[in-house]
N, C-alpha and C. Protein backbone atom coordinates (compact mmCIF):
# COMPACT_ATOMS: atom_id res chain seq x y z
N MET A 1 168.45 -23.04 64.98
CA MET A 1 167.57 -24.15 64.62
C MET A 1 166.29 -24.13 65.45
N PHE A 2 166.42 -23.89 66.76
CA PHE A 2 165.26 -23.87 67.64
C PHE A 2 164.24 -22.83 67.20
N ASN A 3 164.73 -21.63 66.85
CA ASN A 3 163.82 -20.56 66.44
C ASN A 3 163.09 -20.90 65.14
N ASP A 4 163.76 -21.61 64.24
CA ASP A 4 163.12 -21.99 62.98
C ASP A 4 162.03 -23.04 63.21
N ILE A 5 162.28 -23.99 64.11
CA ILE A 5 161.27 -25.00 64.44
C ILE A 5 160.10 -24.34 65.18
N LYS A 6 160.42 -23.44 66.08
CA LYS A 6 159.37 -22.72 66.82
C LYS A 6 158.48 -21.93 65.87
N ALA A 7 159.08 -21.34 64.83
CA ALA A 7 158.31 -20.55 63.86
C ALA A 7 157.28 -21.41 63.13
N VAL A 8 157.63 -22.67 62.86
CA VAL A 8 156.68 -23.57 62.19
C VAL A 8 155.44 -23.77 63.06
N PHE A 9 155.64 -24.06 64.34
CA PHE A 9 154.52 -24.29 65.25
C PHE A 9 153.67 -23.02 65.43
N GLU A 10 154.31 -21.86 65.41
CA GLU A 10 153.59 -20.61 65.60
C GLU A 10 152.74 -20.22 64.39
N ARG A 11 153.20 -20.57 63.19
CA ARG A 11 152.56 -20.04 61.98
C ARG A 11 151.87 -21.07 61.10
N ASP A 12 152.01 -22.35 61.41
CA ASP A 12 151.34 -23.36 60.61
C ASP A 12 150.34 -24.12 61.48
N PRO A 13 149.05 -23.90 61.26
CA PRO A 13 148.04 -24.59 62.08
C PRO A 13 148.03 -26.10 61.88
N ALA A 14 148.65 -26.57 60.81
CA ALA A 14 148.69 -28.01 60.54
C ALA A 14 149.81 -28.71 61.30
N ALA A 15 150.71 -27.94 61.92
CA ALA A 15 151.84 -28.53 62.65
C ALA A 15 151.35 -29.09 63.98
N ARG A 16 151.39 -30.40 64.14
CA ARG A 16 150.83 -31.06 65.33
C ARG A 16 151.92 -31.52 66.30
N ASN A 17 153.04 -32.00 65.78
CA ASN A 17 154.10 -32.49 66.66
C ASN A 17 155.44 -32.36 65.97
N ILE A 18 156.50 -32.54 66.73
CA ILE A 18 157.84 -32.32 66.23
C ILE A 18 158.20 -33.31 65.12
N PHE A 19 157.69 -34.53 65.20
CA PHE A 19 158.01 -35.53 64.18
C PHE A 19 157.44 -35.13 62.82
N GLU A 20 156.24 -34.56 62.83
CA GLU A 20 155.62 -34.10 61.59
C GLU A 20 156.37 -32.90 61.03
N VAL A 21 156.73 -31.99 61.91
CA VAL A 21 157.43 -30.77 61.49
C VAL A 21 158.78 -31.09 60.85
N LEU A 22 159.43 -32.13 61.35
CA LEU A 22 160.74 -32.50 60.81
C LEU A 22 160.68 -33.05 59.40
N THR A 23 159.47 -33.23 58.86
CA THR A 23 159.33 -33.65 57.46
C THR A 23 159.10 -32.46 56.53
N TYR A 24 159.00 -31.26 57.07
CA TYR A 24 158.68 -30.08 56.27
C TYR A 24 159.85 -29.69 55.36
N ALA A 25 159.55 -29.52 54.08
CA ALA A 25 160.59 -29.12 53.12
C ALA A 25 161.18 -27.76 53.46
N GLY A 26 160.33 -26.83 53.89
CA GLY A 26 160.82 -25.49 54.23
C GLY A 26 161.82 -25.51 55.37
N LEU A 27 161.58 -26.38 56.35
CA LEU A 27 162.50 -26.49 57.48
C LEU A 27 163.83 -27.07 57.03
N TYR A 28 163.80 -28.11 56.20
CA TYR A 28 165.04 -28.68 55.67
C TYR A 28 165.81 -27.62 54.88
N ALA A 29 165.09 -26.81 54.11
CA ALA A 29 165.74 -25.80 53.27
C ALA A 29 166.47 -24.77 54.11
N ILE A 30 165.82 -24.27 55.17
CA ILE A 30 166.46 -23.22 55.96
C ILE A 30 167.61 -23.77 56.81
N LEU A 31 167.42 -24.97 57.37
CA LEU A 31 168.51 -25.54 58.17
C LEU A 31 169.72 -25.85 57.30
N SER A 32 169.49 -26.36 56.09
CA SER A 32 170.59 -26.62 55.16
C SER A 32 171.25 -25.32 54.73
N HIS A 33 170.43 -24.30 54.54
CA HIS A 33 171.00 -23.00 54.16
C HIS A 33 171.93 -22.47 55.25
N ARG A 34 171.55 -22.62 56.49
CA ARG A 34 172.39 -22.09 57.57
C ARG A 34 173.75 -22.79 57.58
N ILE A 35 173.77 -24.07 57.26
CA ILE A 35 175.04 -24.79 57.15
C ILE A 35 175.84 -24.27 55.95
N ALA A 36 175.16 -24.15 54.80
CA ALA A 36 175.84 -23.69 53.58
C ALA A 36 176.36 -22.27 53.74
N HIS A 37 175.57 -21.42 54.39
CA HIS A 37 175.98 -20.03 54.61
C HIS A 37 177.24 -19.98 55.49
N PHE A 38 177.29 -20.82 56.50
CA PHE A 38 178.47 -20.88 57.38
C PHE A 38 179.70 -21.35 56.61
N LEU A 39 179.53 -22.39 55.78
CA LEU A 39 180.65 -22.90 55.00
C LEU A 39 181.18 -21.84 54.03
N ARG A 40 180.27 -21.08 53.43
CA ARG A 40 180.67 -20.08 52.43
C ARG A 40 181.30 -18.86 53.08
N ASN A 41 180.68 -18.34 54.12
CA ASN A 41 181.10 -17.05 54.68
C ASN A 41 182.15 -17.18 55.78
N LYS A 42 182.11 -18.25 56.55
CA LYS A 42 183.04 -18.40 57.67
C LYS A 42 184.24 -19.27 57.33
N LEU A 43 184.01 -20.35 56.58
CA LEU A 43 185.10 -21.28 56.27
C LEU A 43 185.64 -21.11 54.86
N ASN A 44 184.98 -20.23 54.08
CA ASN A 44 185.43 -19.95 52.71
C ASN A 44 185.51 -21.22 51.86
N ILE A 45 184.39 -21.99 51.90
CA ILE A 45 184.31 -23.19 51.05
C ILE A 45 183.07 -23.02 50.17
N PRO A 46 183.13 -22.13 49.17
CA PRO A 46 181.94 -21.82 48.38
C PRO A 46 181.42 -22.98 47.55
N PHE A 47 182.32 -23.86 47.07
CA PHE A 47 181.86 -24.96 46.22
C PHE A 47 180.95 -25.91 46.98
N ILE A 48 181.37 -26.32 48.18
CA ILE A 48 180.57 -27.23 49.00
C ILE A 48 179.25 -26.56 49.39
N ALA A 49 179.32 -25.27 49.71
CA ALA A 49 178.12 -24.53 50.08
C ALA A 49 177.11 -24.51 48.94
N ARG A 50 177.61 -24.24 47.73
CA ARG A 50 176.73 -24.19 46.57
C ARG A 50 176.18 -25.58 46.24
N LEU A 51 177.00 -26.60 46.44
CA LEU A 51 176.55 -27.97 46.19
C LEU A 51 175.40 -28.34 47.12
N ILE A 52 175.52 -27.96 48.37
CA ILE A 52 174.45 -28.23 49.34
C ILE A 52 173.16 -27.55 48.91
N SER A 53 173.26 -26.29 48.49
CA SER A 53 172.05 -25.54 48.10
C SER A 53 171.38 -26.18 46.88
N GLN A 54 172.18 -26.70 45.95
CA GLN A 54 171.61 -27.30 44.76
C GLN A 54 170.98 -28.66 45.04
N VAL A 55 171.58 -29.42 45.93
CA VAL A 55 171.00 -30.71 46.32
C VAL A 55 169.66 -30.48 47.02
N ILE A 56 169.62 -29.50 47.92
CA ILE A 56 168.38 -29.18 48.64
C ILE A 56 167.31 -28.68 47.67
N ARG A 57 167.72 -27.94 46.64
CA ARG A 57 166.76 -27.47 45.63
C ARG A 57 166.11 -28.65 44.92
N ILE A 58 166.90 -29.67 44.61
CA ILE A 58 166.36 -30.85 43.93
C ILE A 58 165.32 -31.56 44.79
N PHE A 59 165.59 -31.67 46.10
CA PHE A 59 164.70 -32.42 46.98
C PHE A 59 163.51 -31.62 47.49
N THR A 60 163.64 -30.29 47.57
CA THR A 60 162.57 -29.48 48.18
C THR A 60 161.88 -28.53 47.21
N GLY A 61 162.52 -28.23 46.07
CA GLY A 61 161.96 -27.22 45.17
C GLY A 61 162.20 -25.81 45.65
N ILE A 62 163.05 -25.65 46.67
CA ILE A 62 163.37 -24.34 47.25
C ILE A 62 164.84 -24.04 46.99
N GLU A 63 165.11 -22.89 46.38
CA GLU A 63 166.50 -22.53 46.08
C GLU A 63 166.90 -21.29 46.87
N ILE A 64 167.82 -21.48 47.79
CA ILE A 64 168.35 -20.38 48.59
C ILE A 64 169.85 -20.30 48.33
N HIS A 65 170.31 -19.19 47.80
CA HIS A 65 171.75 -19.04 47.55
C HIS A 65 172.49 -19.00 48.89
N PRO A 66 173.63 -19.67 49.00
CA PRO A 66 174.38 -19.68 50.26
C PRO A 66 174.78 -18.29 50.75
N GLY A 67 174.85 -17.33 49.84
CA GLY A 67 175.24 -15.98 50.24
C GLY A 67 174.15 -15.19 50.91
N ALA A 68 172.91 -15.62 50.80
CA ALA A 68 171.80 -14.88 51.40
C ALA A 68 171.92 -14.88 52.93
N THR A 69 171.57 -13.75 53.53
CA THR A 69 171.62 -13.61 54.99
C THR A 69 170.20 -13.66 55.53
N ILE A 70 169.92 -14.61 56.41
CA ILE A 70 168.56 -14.84 56.89
C ILE A 70 168.54 -14.83 58.41
N GLY A 71 167.64 -14.03 58.99
CA GLY A 71 167.53 -13.91 60.43
C GLY A 71 166.83 -15.10 61.07
N LYS A 72 166.61 -15.00 62.36
CA LYS A 72 166.01 -16.10 63.12
C LYS A 72 164.49 -16.16 62.89
N GLY A 73 163.92 -17.31 63.19
CA GLY A 73 162.48 -17.48 63.08
C GLY A 73 161.96 -17.41 61.66
N PHE A 74 162.74 -17.87 60.68
CA PHE A 74 162.34 -17.83 59.27
C PHE A 74 161.43 -19.01 58.97
N PHE A 75 160.35 -18.76 58.22
CA PHE A 75 159.38 -19.82 57.92
C PHE A 75 158.98 -19.78 56.45
N ILE A 76 159.11 -20.93 55.78
CA ILE A 76 158.65 -21.07 54.40
C ILE A 76 157.47 -22.03 54.41
N ASP A 77 156.28 -21.54 54.05
CA ASP A 77 155.09 -22.37 54.04
C ASP A 77 154.92 -23.03 52.67
N HIS A 78 154.84 -24.34 52.64
CA HIS A 78 154.81 -25.15 51.42
C HIS A 78 156.16 -25.05 50.71
N GLY A 79 156.46 -23.91 50.11
CA GLY A 79 157.82 -23.66 49.65
C GLY A 79 158.15 -23.94 48.21
N MET A 80 157.41 -24.78 47.53
CA MET A 80 157.75 -25.11 46.15
C MET A 80 157.89 -23.85 45.30
N GLY A 81 159.02 -23.73 44.61
CA GLY A 81 159.24 -22.60 43.72
C GLY A 81 159.80 -21.36 44.38
N VAL A 82 160.13 -21.41 45.66
CA VAL A 82 160.74 -20.26 46.33
C VAL A 82 162.19 -20.10 45.88
N VAL A 83 162.56 -18.86 45.52
CA VAL A 83 163.92 -18.55 45.10
C VAL A 83 164.41 -17.33 45.88
N ILE A 84 165.57 -17.46 46.53
CA ILE A 84 166.15 -16.37 47.31
C ILE A 84 167.55 -16.11 46.78
N GLY A 85 167.77 -14.91 46.25
CA GLY A 85 169.03 -14.58 45.60
C GLY A 85 170.19 -14.35 46.54
N GLU A 86 171.36 -14.30 45.95
CA GLU A 86 172.64 -14.25 46.69
C GLU A 86 172.74 -13.08 47.66
N ASN A 87 172.32 -11.88 47.25
CA ASN A 87 172.50 -10.69 48.08
C ASN A 87 171.29 -10.36 48.94
N SER A 88 170.33 -11.27 48.99
CA SER A 88 169.15 -11.02 49.81
C SER A 88 169.53 -10.96 51.28
N VAL A 89 168.89 -10.02 51.98
CA VAL A 89 169.07 -9.91 53.44
C VAL A 89 167.67 -9.96 54.04
N ILE A 90 167.44 -10.91 54.92
CA ILE A 90 166.11 -11.15 55.49
C ILE A 90 166.19 -11.02 57.00
N GLY A 91 165.28 -10.22 57.56
CA GLY A 91 165.26 -9.98 59.00
C GLY A 91 164.67 -11.15 59.78
N ASP A 92 164.28 -10.89 61.02
CA ASP A 92 163.75 -11.92 61.90
C ASP A 92 162.25 -12.14 61.67
N ASN A 93 161.80 -13.36 61.92
CA ASN A 93 160.37 -13.72 61.89
C ASN A 93 159.70 -13.40 60.56
N VAL A 94 160.38 -13.72 59.48
CA VAL A 94 159.84 -13.49 58.13
C VAL A 94 159.18 -14.77 57.62
N THR A 95 158.07 -14.61 56.91
CA THR A 95 157.33 -15.75 56.35
C THR A 95 157.21 -15.60 54.84
N LEU A 96 157.56 -16.65 54.11
CA LEU A 96 157.39 -16.69 52.66
C LEU A 96 156.47 -17.85 52.30
N PHE A 97 155.56 -17.61 51.38
CA PHE A 97 154.71 -18.68 50.87
C PHE A 97 155.28 -19.20 49.54
N GLN A 98 154.65 -20.22 49.00
CA GLN A 98 155.18 -20.87 47.80
C GLN A 98 155.26 -19.91 46.61
N GLY A 99 156.26 -20.15 45.78
CA GLY A 99 156.39 -19.37 44.56
C GLY A 99 156.97 -17.98 44.72
N VAL A 100 157.44 -17.64 45.90
CA VAL A 100 158.01 -16.30 46.13
C VAL A 100 159.42 -16.21 45.56
N THR A 101 159.73 -15.08 44.94
CA THR A 101 161.08 -14.83 44.43
C THR A 101 161.63 -13.56 45.05
N LEU A 102 162.80 -13.65 45.64
CA LEU A 102 163.57 -12.48 46.06
C LEU A 102 164.75 -12.43 45.09
N GLY A 103 164.60 -11.65 44.02
CA GLY A 103 165.56 -11.71 42.93
C GLY A 103 166.05 -10.36 42.47
N GLY A 104 166.80 -10.41 41.36
CA GLY A 104 167.33 -9.20 40.76
C GLY A 104 166.49 -8.77 39.57
N THR A 105 166.92 -7.69 38.94
CA THR A 105 166.19 -7.16 37.79
C THR A 105 167.00 -7.20 36.50
N GLY A 106 168.20 -7.75 36.54
CA GLY A 106 169.03 -7.79 35.35
C GLY A 106 170.39 -8.36 35.67
N LYS A 107 171.42 -7.86 34.98
CA LYS A 107 172.77 -8.37 35.17
C LYS A 107 173.65 -7.39 35.94
N GLU A 108 173.00 -6.55 36.76
CA GLU A 108 173.78 -5.58 37.52
C GLU A 108 174.68 -6.29 38.53
N LYS A 109 175.78 -5.63 38.90
CA LYS A 109 176.72 -6.19 39.86
C LYS A 109 176.43 -5.62 41.24
N GLY A 110 177.11 -6.19 42.25
CA GLY A 110 176.97 -5.68 43.60
C GLY A 110 175.66 -6.13 44.24
N LYS A 111 175.14 -5.30 45.15
CA LYS A 111 173.90 -5.62 45.86
C LYS A 111 172.74 -5.50 44.89
N ARG A 112 172.17 -6.61 44.50
CA ARG A 112 171.15 -6.61 43.47
C ARG A 112 169.85 -7.28 43.90
N HIS A 113 169.81 -7.74 45.15
CA HIS A 113 168.63 -8.42 45.66
C HIS A 113 168.07 -7.65 46.87
N PRO A 114 166.82 -7.89 47.22
CA PRO A 114 166.16 -7.06 48.24
C PRO A 114 166.62 -7.31 49.67
N THR A 115 166.30 -6.32 50.51
CA THR A 115 166.51 -6.41 51.94
C THR A 115 165.15 -6.34 52.63
N LEU A 116 164.83 -7.35 53.42
CA LEU A 116 163.56 -7.42 54.12
C LEU A 116 163.76 -7.16 55.61
N GLY A 117 162.85 -6.39 56.19
CA GLY A 117 162.90 -6.12 57.62
C GLY A 117 162.35 -7.28 58.44
N ASN A 118 161.97 -6.99 59.67
CA ASN A 118 161.43 -8.01 60.56
C ASN A 118 159.92 -8.15 60.40
N ASN A 119 159.41 -9.35 60.69
CA ASN A 119 157.96 -9.62 60.68
C ASN A 119 157.30 -9.35 59.33
N VAL A 120 158.01 -9.65 58.27
CA VAL A 120 157.47 -9.47 56.91
C VAL A 120 156.79 -10.76 56.46
N VAL A 121 155.65 -10.63 55.79
CA VAL A 121 154.94 -11.78 55.22
C VAL A 121 154.79 -11.53 53.72
N ILE A 122 155.25 -12.48 52.91
CA ILE A 122 155.15 -12.34 51.45
C ILE A 122 154.28 -13.47 50.92
N GLY A 123 153.17 -13.11 50.28
CA GLY A 123 152.18 -14.07 49.82
C GLY A 123 152.62 -14.90 48.64
N ALA A 124 151.87 -15.94 48.36
CA ALA A 124 152.19 -16.90 47.31
C ALA A 124 152.37 -16.24 45.96
N GLY A 125 153.45 -16.58 45.28
CA GLY A 125 153.70 -16.10 43.93
C GLY A 125 154.22 -14.68 43.82
N ALA A 126 154.41 -14.00 44.92
CA ALA A 126 154.89 -12.61 44.87
C ALA A 126 156.36 -12.56 44.48
N LYS A 127 156.73 -11.45 43.82
CA LYS A 127 158.11 -11.22 43.40
C LYS A 127 158.59 -9.90 43.99
N VAL A 128 159.70 -9.95 44.69
CA VAL A 128 160.33 -8.75 45.23
C VAL A 128 161.69 -8.65 44.56
N LEU A 129 161.86 -7.63 43.73
CA LEU A 129 163.00 -7.62 42.80
C LEU A 129 163.86 -6.38 42.94
N GLY A 130 165.17 -6.59 42.87
CA GLY A 130 166.12 -5.48 42.85
C GLY A 130 166.65 -5.12 44.22
N ASN A 131 167.56 -4.17 44.24
CA ASN A 131 168.18 -3.70 45.48
C ASN A 131 167.24 -2.71 46.15
N ILE A 132 166.16 -3.24 46.72
CA ILE A 132 165.16 -2.40 47.38
C ILE A 132 165.04 -2.83 48.84
N SER A 133 164.40 -1.98 49.63
CA SER A 133 164.23 -2.26 51.06
C SER A 133 162.75 -2.39 51.39
N ILE A 134 162.42 -3.45 52.09
CA ILE A 134 161.06 -3.68 52.58
C ILE A 134 161.12 -3.51 54.10
N GLY A 135 160.33 -2.59 54.64
CA GLY A 135 160.39 -2.27 56.06
C GLY A 135 159.84 -3.36 56.95
N ASP A 136 159.80 -3.09 58.24
CA ASP A 136 159.27 -4.04 59.22
C ASP A 136 157.75 -4.13 59.10
N ASN A 137 157.21 -5.29 59.48
CA ASN A 137 155.74 -5.50 59.57
C ASN A 137 155.02 -5.23 58.25
N VAL A 138 155.66 -5.58 57.15
CA VAL A 138 155.05 -5.37 55.82
C VAL A 138 154.36 -6.66 55.37
N LEU A 139 153.19 -6.51 54.76
CA LEU A 139 152.46 -7.63 54.18
C LEU A 139 152.40 -7.43 52.67
N VAL A 140 152.98 -8.37 51.91
CA VAL A 140 152.97 -8.33 50.45
C VAL A 140 151.95 -9.35 49.96
N GLY A 141 150.95 -8.90 49.22
CA GLY A 141 149.89 -9.77 48.76
C GLY A 141 150.34 -10.78 47.72
N ALA A 142 149.56 -11.84 47.56
CA ALA A 142 149.86 -12.89 46.60
C ALA A 142 149.99 -12.33 45.19
N ASN A 143 151.02 -12.78 44.47
CA ASN A 143 151.28 -12.43 43.07
C ASN A 143 151.66 -10.97 42.84
N ALA A 144 151.90 -10.22 43.90
CA ALA A 144 152.37 -8.85 43.73
C ALA A 144 153.78 -8.84 43.15
N VAL A 145 154.12 -7.77 42.45
CA VAL A 145 155.47 -7.58 41.94
C VAL A 145 155.98 -6.26 42.51
N VAL A 146 156.93 -6.36 43.43
CA VAL A 146 157.42 -5.18 44.16
C VAL A 146 158.80 -4.82 43.65
N ILE A 147 158.92 -3.59 43.14
CA ILE A 147 160.20 -3.14 42.57
C ILE A 147 160.65 -1.81 43.16
N ARG A 148 159.95 -1.33 44.18
CA ARG A 148 160.31 -0.07 44.85
C ARG A 148 160.32 -0.28 46.36
N ASN A 149 161.02 0.61 47.07
CA ASN A 149 161.08 0.52 48.52
C ASN A 149 159.68 0.59 49.13
N VAL A 150 159.50 -0.12 50.23
CA VAL A 150 158.23 -0.14 50.93
C VAL A 150 158.47 0.24 52.40
N PRO A 151 157.78 1.25 52.92
CA PRO A 151 157.99 1.64 54.32
C PRO A 151 157.40 0.62 55.28
N SER A 152 157.81 0.69 56.53
CA SER A 152 157.31 -0.22 57.55
C SER A 152 155.80 -0.09 57.73
N ASP A 153 155.20 -1.15 58.24
CA ASP A 153 153.77 -1.19 58.58
C ASP A 153 152.89 -0.93 57.37
N SER A 154 153.26 -1.49 56.22
CA SER A 154 152.51 -1.26 54.99
C SER A 154 151.95 -2.56 54.44
N THR A 155 150.94 -2.42 53.58
CA THR A 155 150.41 -3.53 52.81
C THR A 155 150.60 -3.20 51.34
N VAL A 156 151.13 -4.15 50.57
CA VAL A 156 151.42 -3.94 49.15
C VAL A 156 150.72 -5.01 48.34
N ILE A 157 150.01 -4.61 47.27
CA ILE A 157 149.38 -5.57 46.38
C ILE A 157 149.53 -5.09 44.94
N GLY A 158 149.29 -6.00 43.99
CA GLY A 158 149.19 -5.61 42.59
C GLY A 158 150.48 -5.71 41.80
N ILE A 159 150.33 -5.42 40.47
CA ILE A 159 151.45 -5.42 39.53
C ILE A 159 151.41 -4.11 38.74
N PRO A 160 152.40 -3.23 38.91
CA PRO A 160 153.45 -3.31 39.93
C PRO A 160 152.86 -3.07 41.32
N GLY A 161 153.61 -3.44 42.34
CA GLY A 161 153.11 -3.35 43.71
C GLY A 161 152.73 -1.93 44.09
N ARG A 162 151.55 -1.80 44.70
CA ARG A 162 151.06 -0.51 45.17
C ARG A 162 150.82 -0.59 46.67
N ILE A 163 151.26 0.44 47.36
CA ILE A 163 151.03 0.49 48.81
C ILE A 163 149.59 0.90 49.04
N THR A 164 148.82 0.03 49.68
CA THR A 164 147.39 0.31 49.88
C THR A 164 147.05 0.60 51.33
N ARG A 165 148.00 0.38 52.22
CA ARG A 165 147.72 0.65 53.62
C ARG A 165 149.03 0.90 54.35
N ILE A 166 149.06 1.95 55.17
CA ILE A 166 150.23 2.24 55.99
C ILE A 166 149.75 2.47 57.42
N LYS A 167 150.26 1.67 58.33
CA LYS A 167 149.90 1.77 59.75
C LYS A 167 148.38 1.74 59.91
N GLY A 168 147.86 2.47 60.85
CA GLY A 168 146.41 2.56 61.01
C GLY A 168 145.76 1.24 61.38
N ALA A 169 145.58 0.36 60.39
CA ALA A 169 144.85 -0.89 60.60
C ALA A 169 145.76 -2.04 61.01
N LYS A 170 146.99 -1.73 61.34
CA LYS A 170 147.95 -2.77 61.70
C LYS A 170 147.48 -3.55 62.93
N LYS A 171 147.59 -4.89 62.83
CA LYS A 171 147.25 -5.75 63.94
C LYS A 171 148.53 -6.23 64.62
N PRO A 172 148.50 -6.49 65.93
CA PRO A 172 149.71 -6.97 66.61
C PRO A 172 150.09 -8.36 66.14
N GLY A 173 151.38 -8.66 66.18
CA GLY A 173 151.87 -9.98 65.79
C GLY A 173 152.00 -10.11 64.28
N ILE A 174 152.15 -11.33 63.82
CA ILE A 174 152.34 -11.61 62.41
C ILE A 174 150.99 -11.96 61.79
N ASN A 175 150.59 -11.21 60.79
CA ASN A 175 149.28 -11.39 60.17
C ASN A 175 149.41 -12.25 58.91
N LEU A 176 148.82 -13.44 58.94
CA LEU A 176 148.89 -14.34 57.80
C LEU A 176 147.57 -14.41 57.04
N ASP A 177 146.64 -13.51 57.37
CA ASP A 177 145.31 -13.55 56.77
C ASP A 177 145.29 -12.77 55.46
N HIS A 178 145.47 -13.48 54.34
CA HIS A 178 145.49 -12.80 53.03
C HIS A 178 144.09 -12.43 52.55
N THR A 179 143.05 -13.00 53.19
CA THR A 179 141.69 -12.70 52.74
C THR A 179 141.26 -11.29 53.12
N SER A 180 141.99 -10.66 54.03
CA SER A 180 141.60 -9.32 54.47
C SER A 180 142.39 -8.21 53.76
N LEU A 181 143.14 -8.57 52.72
CA LEU A 181 143.90 -7.56 51.99
C LEU A 181 142.95 -6.59 51.30
N PRO A 182 143.28 -5.29 51.32
CA PRO A 182 142.43 -4.32 50.65
C PRO A 182 142.51 -4.43 49.14
N ASP A 183 141.41 -4.10 48.46
CA ASP A 183 141.36 -4.07 47.01
C ASP A 183 141.16 -2.61 46.59
N PRO A 184 142.23 -1.94 46.14
CA PRO A 184 142.12 -0.51 45.85
C PRO A 184 141.14 -0.20 44.73
N LEU A 185 141.04 -1.08 43.72
CA LEU A 185 140.12 -0.83 42.61
C LEU A 185 138.68 -0.86 43.09
N THR A 186 138.34 -1.88 43.89
CA THR A 186 136.99 -1.97 44.43
C THR A 186 136.68 -0.77 45.32
N GLU A 187 137.65 -0.38 46.14
CA GLU A 187 137.44 0.76 47.04
C GLU A 187 137.18 2.04 46.24
N ARG A 188 137.92 2.24 45.16
CA ARG A 188 137.72 3.44 44.34
C ARG A 188 136.37 3.43 43.65
N LEU A 189 135.95 2.26 43.15
CA LEU A 189 134.65 2.15 42.50
C LEU A 189 133.52 2.41 43.50
N GLU A 190 133.69 1.90 44.72
CA GLU A 190 132.68 2.14 45.75
C GLU A 190 132.62 3.62 46.10
N ASN A 191 133.76 4.28 46.19
CA ASN A 191 133.78 5.72 46.48
C ASN A 191 133.14 6.52 45.34
N LEU A 192 133.42 6.09 44.10
CA LEU A 192 132.84 6.77 42.94
C LEU A 192 131.32 6.61 42.93
N GLN A 193 130.85 5.40 43.23
CA GLN A 193 129.41 5.17 43.28
C GLN A 193 128.75 6.00 44.38
N HIS A 194 129.44 6.13 45.51
CA HIS A 194 128.92 6.95 46.60
C HIS A 194 128.79 8.42 46.17
N GLU A 195 129.80 8.92 45.44
CA GLU A 195 129.75 10.30 44.97
C GLU A 195 128.62 10.49 43.95
N ILE A 196 128.42 9.50 43.08
CA ILE A 196 127.33 9.58 42.10
C ILE A 196 125.98 9.61 42.81
N ASP A 197 125.82 8.77 43.82
CA ASP A 197 124.56 8.76 44.59
C ASP A 197 124.30 10.11 45.26
N GLU A 198 125.37 10.71 45.79
CA GLU A 198 125.23 12.00 46.43
C GLU A 198 124.84 13.09 45.42
N LEU A 199 125.46 13.05 44.24
CA LEU A 199 125.14 14.03 43.20
C LEU A 199 123.68 13.88 42.74
N GLU A 200 123.23 12.62 42.55
CA GLU A 200 121.85 12.40 42.15
C GLU A 200 120.88 12.89 43.23
N LYS A 201 121.23 12.69 44.48
CA LYS A 201 120.39 13.16 45.58
C LYS A 201 120.27 14.67 45.57
N HIS A 202 121.40 15.37 45.39
CA HIS A 202 121.38 16.83 45.36
C HIS A 202 120.63 17.34 44.13
N LEU A 203 120.76 16.62 43.00
CA LEU A 203 120.06 17.03 41.78
C LEU A 203 118.54 16.91 41.94
N LYS A 204 118.11 15.84 42.58
CA LYS A 204 116.67 15.68 42.82
C LYS A 204 116.15 16.76 43.76
N GLU A 205 116.93 17.10 44.77
CA GLU A 205 116.53 18.16 45.71
C GLU A 205 116.45 19.50 45.01
N TRP A 206 117.40 19.76 44.07
CA TRP A 206 117.41 21.02 43.36
C TRP A 206 116.20 21.14 42.42
N ARG A 207 115.86 20.01 41.76
CA ARG A 207 114.72 20.00 40.85
C ARG A 207 113.40 20.15 41.59
N ALA A 208 113.36 19.67 42.84
CA ALA A 208 112.13 19.75 43.62
C ALA A 208 111.83 21.15 44.12
N LYS A 209 112.82 22.02 44.09
CA LYS A 209 112.62 23.40 44.58
C LYS A 209 111.81 24.22 43.60
C-alpha cells in the first residue's frame, strides 16, 4: 500500500497531500485489487474476489481481474476505461493512463494477456494485446496498438505498434513526457526532403560545369 501511495506523489504533479490522494480512483482500484488477488490466489475464494473487482469497476471505471499479478509502485492516472486481463503480469513502478487495455486477442486458453516489465509507461488509449512481453523502461505512446514483443528501453507508437527508439535517448527515471515521442512519418519525410535538396544541389553544380 505504501509503495502505491508513494507512486502517486512521485508521478502526479496535482497530488498535494495524503487526503487528496486518498480520493483517487486509481488508488482505490489497485488497493482493492490487492485484496481481491489475495482472496483469489491465497484463500481460494474466487467469487468474493470477482465481486470486489466488479464493485470497484462500477465506482471507478477501472476493471482489474483478480487474477492479474501487479508489482509494487503501480500507478493509474485518471483511470477511466482501464482494463487489465486475468493473465496480465505487471512489474514494478508501472504507469497506465486512462483507456489502456491489457487484453487478449481472441478466445485462446492459457496465458493470453501481456507481461510488462519494470518502469513501463503506457499512454492514454493504448492497447497491449495477447501473450506478449514488454521489456523494462518501455514507453508506449497514446492510442498505440501493441501485438508483438517489445525489447527493453524502447519507445513504441502507432497502429500497429512500431518500435521507433531503442536505448540511446533513454532518460533516467520514469519518463511521462508524451510530447517528446518521435514521429517516424515526419522523420522519414524530413530525411526525404533533405535527400531531395542534396540532389538538387548536386544537379545545379553539375549544370554549372
